[in-house]
């Protein structure tokens, strides 16, 4: 899933922080490493996915990211 997020941001976001994303990418293979959506967007300047707290809050993503995530979840639960 991270690969899709990286590629999507690189293609669609001119302000994407590639250096920080590479650090997250390298650490993502570790079982003990976790990254929240807020942390991801703050560190990498991501625009394709974001999270809001409070009433009417939630995690929102571009439809391409949402569909890719759904496909990823279905395939990993079989």
PDB file of N, CA and C in Angstrom:
ATOM      1  N   UNK A   1       0.816  -1.188   0.000  1.00  0.00           N
ATOM      2  CA  UNK A   1       0.000   0.000   0.000  1.00  0.00           C
ATOM      3  C   UNK A   1       0.860   1.252   0.000  1.00  0.00           C
ATOM      4  N   UNK A   2       1.974   1.224   0.744  1.00  0.00           N
ATOM      5  CA  UNK A   2       2.858   2.388   0.772  1.00  0.00           C
ATOM      6  C   UNK A   2       3.372   2.735  -0.618  1.00  0.00           C
ATOM      7  N   UNK A   3       3.664   1.708  -1.399  1.00  0.00           N
ATOM      8  CA  UNK A   3       4.171   1.957  -2.756  1.00  0.00           C
ATOM      9  C   UNK A   3       3.186   2.784  -3.570  1.00  0.00           C
ATOM     10  N   UNK A   4       1.908   2.469  -3.455  1.00  0.00           N
ATOM     11  CA  UNK A   4       0.901   3.221  -4.200  1.00  0.00           C
ATOM     12  C   UNK A   4       0.831   4.659  -3.707  1.00  0.00           C
ATOM     13  N   UNK A   5       0.883   4.858  -2.389  1.00  0.00           N
ATOM     14  CA  UNK A   5       0.865   6.213  -1.839  1.00  0.00           C
ATOM     15  C   UNK A   5       2.065   7.021  -2.325  1.00  0.00           C
ATOM     16  N   UNK A   6       3.253   6.412  -2.302  1.00  0.00           N
ATOM     17  CA  UNK A   6       4.461   7.101  -2.774  1.00  0.00           C
ATOM     18  C   UNK A   6       4.309   7.527  -4.222  1.00  0.00           C
ATOM     19  N   UNK A   7       3.931   6.580  -5.059  1.00  0.00           N
ATOM     20  CA  UNK A   7       3.820   6.872  -6.493  1.00  0.00           C
ATOM     21  C   UNK A   7       2.745   7.908  -6.775  1.00  0.00           C
ATOM     22  N   UNK A   8       1.622   7.818  -6.093  1.00  0.00           N
ATOM     23  CA  UNK A   8       0.536   8.771  -6.283  1.00  0.00           C
ATOM     24  C   UNK A   8       0.967  10.181  -5.899  1.00  0.00           C
ATOM     25  N   UNK A   9       1.641  10.316  -4.775  1.00  0.00           N
ATOM     26  CA  UNK A   9       2.097  11.641  -4.330  1.00  0.00           C
ATOM     27  C   UNK A   9       3.193  12.191  -5.237  1.00  0.00           C
ATOM     28  N   UNK A  10       4.110  11.350  -5.666  1.00  0.00           N
ATOM     29  CA  UNK A  10       5.187  11.812  -6.552  1.00  0.00           C
ATOM     30  C   UNK A  10       4.613  12.344  -7.857  1.00  0.00           C
ATOM     31  N   UNK A  11       3.604  11.669  -8.387  1.00  0.00           N
ATOM     32  CA  UNK A  11       2.998  12.085  -9.656  1.00  0.00           C
ATOM     33  C   UNK A  11       2.147  13.343  -9.489  1.00  0.00           C
ATOM     34  N   UNK A  12       1.372  13.433  -8.413  1.00  0.00           N
ATOM     35  CA  UNK A  12       0.361  14.479  -8.278  1.00  0.00           C
ATOM     36  C   UNK A  12       0.712  15.632  -7.346  1.00  0.00           C
ATOM     37  N   UNK A  13       1.815  15.556  -6.628  1.00  0.00           N
ATOM     38  CA  UNK A  13       2.125  16.570  -5.621  1.00  0.00           C
ATOM     39  C   UNK A  13       3.534  17.129  -5.825  1.00  0.00           C
ATOM     40  N   UNK A  14       3.645  18.357  -6.343  1.00  0.00           N
ATOM     41  CA  UNK A  14       4.973  18.943  -6.557  1.00  0.00           C
ATOM     42  C   UNK A  14       5.696  19.282  -5.252  1.00  0.00           C
ATOM     43  N   UNK A  15       4.972  19.376  -4.124  1.00  0.00           N
ATOM     44  CA  UNK A  15       5.585  19.714  -2.834  1.00  0.00           C
ATOM     45  C   UNK A  15       5.831  18.493  -1.956  1.00  0.00           C
ATOM     46  N   UNK A  16       5.749  17.319  -2.538  1.00  0.00           N
ATOM     47  CA  UNK A  16       5.929  16.088  -1.780  1.00  0.00           C
ATOM     48  C   UNK A  16       7.363  15.993  -1.275  1.00  0.00           C
ATOM     49  N   UNK A  17       7.524  15.664   0.009  1.00  0.00           N
ATOM     50  CA  UNK A  17       8.837  15.536   0.636  1.00  0.00           C
ATOM     51  C   UNK A  17       9.363  14.118   0.398  1.00  0.00           C
ATOM     52  N   UNK A  18      10.097  13.963  -0.689  1.00  0.00           N
ATOM     53  CA  UNK A  18      10.575  12.638  -1.086  1.00  0.00           C
ATOM     54  C   UNK A  18      11.569  12.065  -0.080  1.00  0.00           C
ATOM     55  N   UNK A  19      12.416  12.916   0.496  1.00  0.00           N
ATOM     56  CA  UNK A  19      13.417  12.444   1.459  1.00  0.00           C
ATOM     57  C   UNK A  19      12.785  11.814   2.685  1.00  0.00           C
ATOM     58  N   UNK A  20      11.802  12.481   3.247  1.00  0.00           N
ATOM     59  CA  UNK A  20      11.123  11.946   4.432  1.00  0.00           C
ATOM     60  C   UNK A  20      10.318  10.699   4.083  1.00  0.00           C
ATOM     61  N   UNK A  21       9.737  10.689   2.890  1.00  0.00           N
ATOM     62  CA  UNK A  21       8.969   9.512   2.483  1.00  0.00           C
ATOM     63  C   UNK A  21       9.878   8.296   2.313  1.00  0.00           C
ATOM     64  N   UNK A  22      11.109   8.523   1.877  1.00  0.00           N
ATOM     65  CA  UNK A  22      12.060   7.415   1.738  1.00  0.00           C
ATOM     66  C   UNK A  22      12.398   6.827   3.106  1.00  0.00           C
ATOM     67  N   UNK A  23      12.510   7.684   4.113  1.00  0.00           N
ATOM     68  CA  UNK A  23      12.762   7.207   5.475  1.00  0.00           C
ATOM     69  C   UNK A  23      11.601   6.347   5.966  1.00  0.00           C
ATOM     70  N   UNK A  24      10.386   6.821   5.756  1.00  0.00           N
ATOM     71  CA  UNK A  24       9.197   6.057   6.159  1.00  0.00           C
ATOM     72  C   UNK A  24       9.134   4.750   5.384  1.00  0.00           C
ATOM     73  N   UNK A  25       9.447   4.813   4.120  1.00  0.00           N
ATOM     74  CA  UNK A  25       9.419   3.621   3.260  1.00  0.00           C
ATOM     75  C   UNK A  25      10.390   2.555   3.763  1.00  0.00           C
ATOM     76  N   UNK A  26      11.589   2.965   4.165  1.00  0.00           N
ATOM     77  CA  UNK A  26      12.585   2.014   4.659  1.00  0.00           C
ATOM     78  C   UNK A  26      12.164   1.394   5.988  1.00  0.00           C
ATOM     79  N   UNK A  27      11.518   2.186   6.842  1.00  0.00           N
ATOM     80  CA  UNK A  27      11.106   1.692   8.154  1.00  0.00           C
ATOM     81  C   UNK A  27       9.799   0.907   8.102  1.00  0.00           C
ATOM     82  N   UNK A  28       9.047   1.043   7.031  1.00  0.00           N
ATOM     83  CA  UNK A  28       7.734   0.396   6.952  1.00  0.00           C
ATOM     84  C   UNK A  28       7.819  -1.125   6.908  1.00  0.00           C
ATOM     85  N   UNK A  29       8.955  -1.672   6.592  1.00  0.00           N
ATOM     86  CA  UNK A  29       9.116  -3.118   6.572  1.00  0.00           C
ATOM     87  C   UNK A  29       9.246  -3.718   7.959  1.00  0.00           C
ATOM     88  N   UNK A  30       9.495  -2.884   8.952  1.00  0.00           N
ATOM     89  CA  UNK A  30       9.636  -3.367  10.321  1.00  0.00           C
ATOM     90  C   UNK A  30       8.262  -3.581  10.943  1.00  0.00           C
ATOM     91  N   UNK A  31       8.094  -4.675  11.654  1.00  0.00           N
ATOM     92  CA  UNK A  31       6.804  -4.967  12.282  1.00  0.00           C
ATOM     93  C   UNK A  31       6.451  -3.973  13.380  1.00  0.00           C
ATOM     94  N   UNK A  32       7.447  -3.356  13.985  1.00  0.00           N
ATOM     95  CA  UNK A  32       7.189  -2.440  15.096  1.00  0.00           C
ATOM     96  C   UNK A  32       6.940  -1.009  14.626  1.00  0.00           C
ATOM     97  N   UNK A  33       7.074  -0.723  13.350  1.00  0.00           N
ATOM     98  CA  UNK A  33       6.917   0.648  12.857  1.00  0.00           C
ATOM     99  C   UNK A  33       5.470   0.928  12.480  1.00  0.00           C
ATOM    100  N   UNK A  34       4.942   2.031  13.002  1.00  0.00           N
ATOM    101  CA  UNK A  34       3.578   2.455  12.687  1.00  0.00           C
ATOM    102  C   UNK A  34       3.616   3.917  12.295  1.00  0.00           C
ATOM    103  N   UNK A  35       2.794   4.289  11.337  1.00  0.00           N
ATOM    104  CA  UNK A  35       2.676   5.689  10.942  1.00  0.00           C
ATOM    105  C   UNK A  35       1.191   6.010  10.784  1.00  0.00           C
ATOM    106  N   UNK A  36       0.770   7.101  11.409  1.00  0.00           N
ATOM    107  CA  UNK A  36      -0.627   7.515  11.296  1.00  0.00           C
ATOM    108  C   UNK A  36      -0.796   8.377  10.051  1.00  0.00           C
ATOM    109  N   UNK A  37      -2.029   8.583   9.661  1.00  0.00           N
ATOM    110  CA  UNK A  37      -2.307   9.429   8.497  1.00  0.00           C
ATOM    111  C   UNK A  37      -1.849  10.850   8.774  1.00  0.00           C
ATOM    112  N   UNK A  38      -2.106  11.353   9.981  1.00  0.00           N
ATOM    113  CA  UNK A  38      -1.671  12.715  10.327  1.00  0.00           C
ATOM    114  C   UNK A  38      -0.155  12.841  10.276  1.00  0.00           C
ATOM    115  N   UNK A  39       0.538  11.846  10.789  1.00  0.00           N
ATOM    116  CA  UNK A  39       2.001  11.860  10.762  1.00  0.00           C
ATOM    117  C   UNK A  39       2.510  11.798   9.320  1.00  0.00           C
ATOM    118  N   UNK A  40       1.896  10.954   8.498  1.00  0.00           N
ATOM    119  CA  UNK A  40       2.270  10.819   7.088  1.00  0.00           C
ATOM    120  C   UNK A  40       2.125  12.151   6.357  1.00  0.00           C
ATOM    121  N   UNK A  41       0.971  12.815   6.531  1.00  0.00           N
ATOM    122  CA  UNK A  41       0.727  14.070   5.820  1.00  0.00           C
ATOM    123  C   UNK A  41       1.630  15.187   6.329  1.00  0.00           C
ATOM    124  N   UNK A  42       1.892  15.203   7.629  1.00  0.00           N
ATOM    125  CA  UNK A  42       2.747  16.251   8.194  1.00  0.00           C
ATOM    126  C   UNK A  42       4.196  16.105   7.733  1.00  0.00           C
ATOM    127  N   UNK A  43       4.716  14.883   7.761  1.00  0.00           N
ATOM    128  CA  UNK A  43       6.118  14.663   7.412  1.00  0.00           C
ATOM    129  C   UNK A  43       6.387  14.770   5.916  1.00  0.00           C
ATOM    130  N   UNK A  44       5.427  14.378   5.087  1.00  0.00           N
ATOM    131  CA  UNK A  44       5.687  14.300   3.643  1.00  0.00           C
ATOM    132  C   UNK A  44       4.973  15.362   2.819  1.00  0.00           C
ATOM    133  N   UNK A  45       4.162  16.197   3.456  1.00  0.00           N
ATOM    134  CA  UNK A  45       3.341  17.187   2.736  1.00  0.00           C
ATOM    135  C   UNK A  45       2.372  16.510   1.770  1.00  0.00           C
ATOM    136  N   UNK A  46       1.880  15.351   2.137  1.00  0.00           N
ATOM    137  CA  UNK A  46       0.967  14.589   1.280  1.00  0.00           C
ATOM    138  C   UNK A  46      -0.367  15.311   1.133  1.00  0.00           C
ATOM    139  N   UNK A  47      -0.983  15.183  -0.043  1.00  0.00           N
ATOM    140  CA  UNK A  47      -2.275  15.817  -0.303  1.00  0.00           C
ATOM    141  C   UNK A  47      -3.352  14.804  -0.683  1.00  0.00           C
ATOM    142  N   UNK A  48      -2.976  13.561  -0.928  1.00  0.00           N
ATOM    143  CA  UNK A  48      -3.932  12.561  -1.397  1.00  0.00           C
ATOM    144  C   UNK A  48      -4.769  11.932  -0.308  1.00  0.00           C
ATOM    145  N   UNK A  49      -4.328  12.046   0.941  1.00  0.00           N
ATOM    146  CA  UNK A  49      -5.039  11.459   2.075  1.00  0.00           C
ATOM    147  C   UNK A  49      -4.855  12.386   3.268  1.00  0.00           C
ATOM    148  N   UNK A  50      -5.921  12.554   4.070  1.00  0.00           N
ATOM    149  CA  UNK A  50      -5.803  13.395   5.258  1.00  0.00           C
ATOM    150  C   UNK A  50      -6.800  12.935   6.308  1.00  0.00           C
ATOM    151  N   UNK A  51      -6.591  13.404   7.523  1.00  0.00           N
ATOM    152  CA  UNK A  51      -7.420  12.999   8.646  1.00  0.00           C
ATOM    153  C   UNK A  51      -7.882  14.232   9.411  1.00  0.00           C
ATOM    154  N   UNK A  52      -9.137  14.202   9.858  1.00  0.00           N
ATOM    155  CA  UNK A  52      -9.699  15.278  10.675  1.00  0.00           C
ATOM    156  C   UNK A  52     -10.169  14.687  11.992  1.00  0.00           C
ATOM    157  N   UNK A  53      -9.912  15.405  13.068  1.00  0.00           N
ATOM    158  CA  UNK A  53     -10.357  14.961  14.388  1.00  0.00           C
ATOM    159  C   UNK A  53     -11.675  15.638  14.745  1.00  0.00           C
ATOM    160  N   UNK A  54     -12.356  15.077  15.717  1.00  0.00           N
ATOM    161  CA  UNK A  54     -13.555  15.705  16.239  1.00  0.00           C
ATOM    162  C   UNK A  54     -14.831  15.280  15.539  1.00  0.00           C
ATOM    163  N   UNK A  55     -15.870  16.049  15.813  1.00  0.00           N
ATOM    164  CA  UNK A  55     -17.174  15.752  15.230  1.00  0.00           C
ATOM    165  C   UNK A  55     -17.095  15.861  13.716  1.00  0.00           C
ATOM    166  N   UNK A  56     -17.668  14.919  13.039  1.00  0.00           N
ATOM    167  CA  UNK A  56     -17.627  14.806  11.576  1.00  0.00           C
ATOM    168  C   UNK A  56     -16.206  14.570  11.060  1.00  0.00           C
ATOM    169  N   UNK A  57     -15.323  14.169  11.936  1.00  0.00           N
ATOM    170  CA  UNK A  57     -13.957  13.875  11.531  1.00  0.00           C
ATOM    171  C   UNK A  57     -13.853  12.487  10.929  1.00  0.00           C
ATOM    172  N   UNK A  58     -12.689  12.174  10.454  1.00  0.00           N
ATOM    173  CA  UNK A  58     -12.438  10.870   9.863  1.00  0.00           C
ATOM    174  C   UNK A  58     -11.214  10.933   8.979  1.00  0.00           C
ATOM    175  N   UNK A  59     -10.978   9.882   8.254  1.00  0.00           N
ATOM    176  CA  UNK A  59      -9.870   9.828   7.311  1.00  0.00           C
ATOM    177  C   UNK A  59     -10.442   9.873   5.912  1.00  0.00           C
ATOM    178  N   UNK A  60      -9.931  10.780   5.119  1.00  0.00           N
ATOM    179  CA  UNK A  60     -10.427  11.011   3.766  1.00  0.00           C
ATOM    180  C   UNK A  60      -9.281  10.842   2.781  1.00  0.00           C
ATOM    181  N   UNK A  61      -9.595  10.277   1.619  1.00  0.00           N
ATOM    182  CA  UNK A  61      -8.564  10.037   0.612  1.00  0.00           C
ATOM    183  C   UNK A  61      -9.136  10.253  -0.780  1.00  0.00           C
ATOM    184  N   UNK A  62      -8.244  10.509  -1.721  1.00  0.00           N
ATOM    185  CA  UNK A  62      -8.634  10.577  -3.128  1.00  0.00           C
ATOM    186  C   UNK A  62      -9.224   9.222  -3.501  1.00  0.00           C
ATOM    187  N   UNK A  63     -10.186   9.215  -4.403  1.00  0.00           N
ATOM    188  CA  UNK A  63     -10.884   7.964  -4.723  1.00  0.00           C
ATOM    189  C   UNK A  63      -9.943   6.879  -5.238  1.00  0.00           C
ATOM    190  N   UNK A  64      -8.890   7.240  -5.960  1.00  0.00           N
ATOM    191  CA  UNK A  64      -7.936   6.232  -6.440  1.00  0.00           C
ATOM    192  C   UNK A  64      -7.228   5.549  -5.276  1.00  0.00           C
ATOM    193  N   UNK A  65      -6.870   6.324  -4.260  1.00  0.00           N
ATOM    194  CA  UNK A  65      -6.219   5.759  -3.075  1.00  0.00           C
ATOM    195  C   UNK A  65      -7.204   4.876  -2.315  1.00  0.00           C
ATOM    196  N   UNK A  66      -8.441   5.332  -2.180  1.00  0.00           N
ATOM    197  CA  UNK A  66      -9.458   4.545  -1.476  1.00  0.00           C
ATOM    198  C   UNK A  66      -9.714   3.211  -2.170  1.00  0.00           C
ATOM    199  N   UNK A  67      -9.844   3.218  -3.492  1.00  0.00           N
ATOM    200  CA  UNK A  67     -10.074   1.972  -4.232  1.00  0.00           C
ATOM    201  C   UNK A  67      -8.876   1.032  -4.127  1.00  0.00           C
ATOM    202  N   UNK A  68      -7.676   1.578  -4.200  1.00  0.00           N
ATOM    203  CA  UNK A  68      -6.466   0.755  -4.073  1.00  0.00           C
ATOM    204  C   UNK A  68      -6.397   0.131  -2.685  1.00  0.00           C
ATOM    205  N   UNK A  69      -6.738   0.909  -1.665  1.00  0.00           N
ATOM    206  CA  UNK A  69      -6.739   0.387  -0.302  1.00  0.00           C
ATOM    207  C   UNK A  69      -7.759  -0.737  -0.148  1.00  0.00           C
ATOM    208  N   UNK A  70      -8.951  -0.545  -0.705  1.00  0.00           N
ATOM    209  CA  UNK A  70      -9.973  -1.589  -0.653  1.00  0.00           C
ATOM    210  C   UNK A  70      -9.517  -2.874  -1.313  1.00  0.00           C
ATOM    211  N   UNK A  71      -8.888  -2.759  -2.462  1.00  0.00           N
ATOM    212  CA  UNK A  71      -8.356  -3.928  -3.167  1.00  0.00           C
ATOM    213  C   UNK A  71      -7.269  -4.606  -2.347  1.00  0.00           C
ATOM    214  N   UNK A  72      -6.403  -3.803  -1.742  1.00  0.00           N
ATOM    215  CA  UNK A  72      -5.314  -4.326  -0.924  1.00  0.00           C
ATOM    216  C   UNK A  72      -5.865  -5.090   0.278  1.00  0.00           C
ATOM    217  N   UNK A  73      -6.878  -4.525   0.956  1.00  0.00           N
ATOM    218  CA  UNK A  73      -7.485  -5.177   2.125  1.00  0.00           C
ATOM    219  C   UNK A  73      -8.118  -6.511   1.736  1.00  0.00           C
ATOM    220  N   UNK A  74      -8.871  -6.529   0.645  1.00  0.00           N
ATOM    221  CA  UNK A  74      -9.542  -7.751   0.202  1.00  0.00           C
ATOM    222  C   UNK A  74      -8.523  -8.844  -0.111  1.00  0.00           C
ATOM    223  N   UNK A  75      -7.465  -8.498  -0.819  1.00  0.00           N
ATOM    224  CA  UNK A  75      -6.461  -9.493  -1.205  1.00  0.00           C
ATOM    225  C   UNK A  75      -5.656  -9.995  -0.017  1.00  0.00           C
ATOM    226  N   UNK A  76      -5.448  -9.174   0.997  1.00  0.00           N
ATOM    227  CA  UNK A  76      -4.673  -9.599   2.162  1.00  0.00           C
ATOM    228  C   UNK A  76      -5.490 -10.395   3.166  1.00  0.00           C
ATOM    229  N   UNK A  77      -6.804 -10.383   3.043  1.00  0.00           N
ATOM    230  CA  UNK A  77      -7.649 -11.132   3.972  1.00  0.00           C
ATOM    231  C   UNK A  77      -8.087 -12.484   3.427  1.00  0.00           C
ATOM    232  N   UNK A  78      -7.628 -12.861   2.259  1.00  0.00           N
ATOM    233  CA  UNK A  78      -8.002 -14.161   1.694  1.00  0.00           C
ATOM    234  C   UNK A  78      -7.087 -15.238   2.195  1.00  0.00           C
TER     235      UNK A  78
END
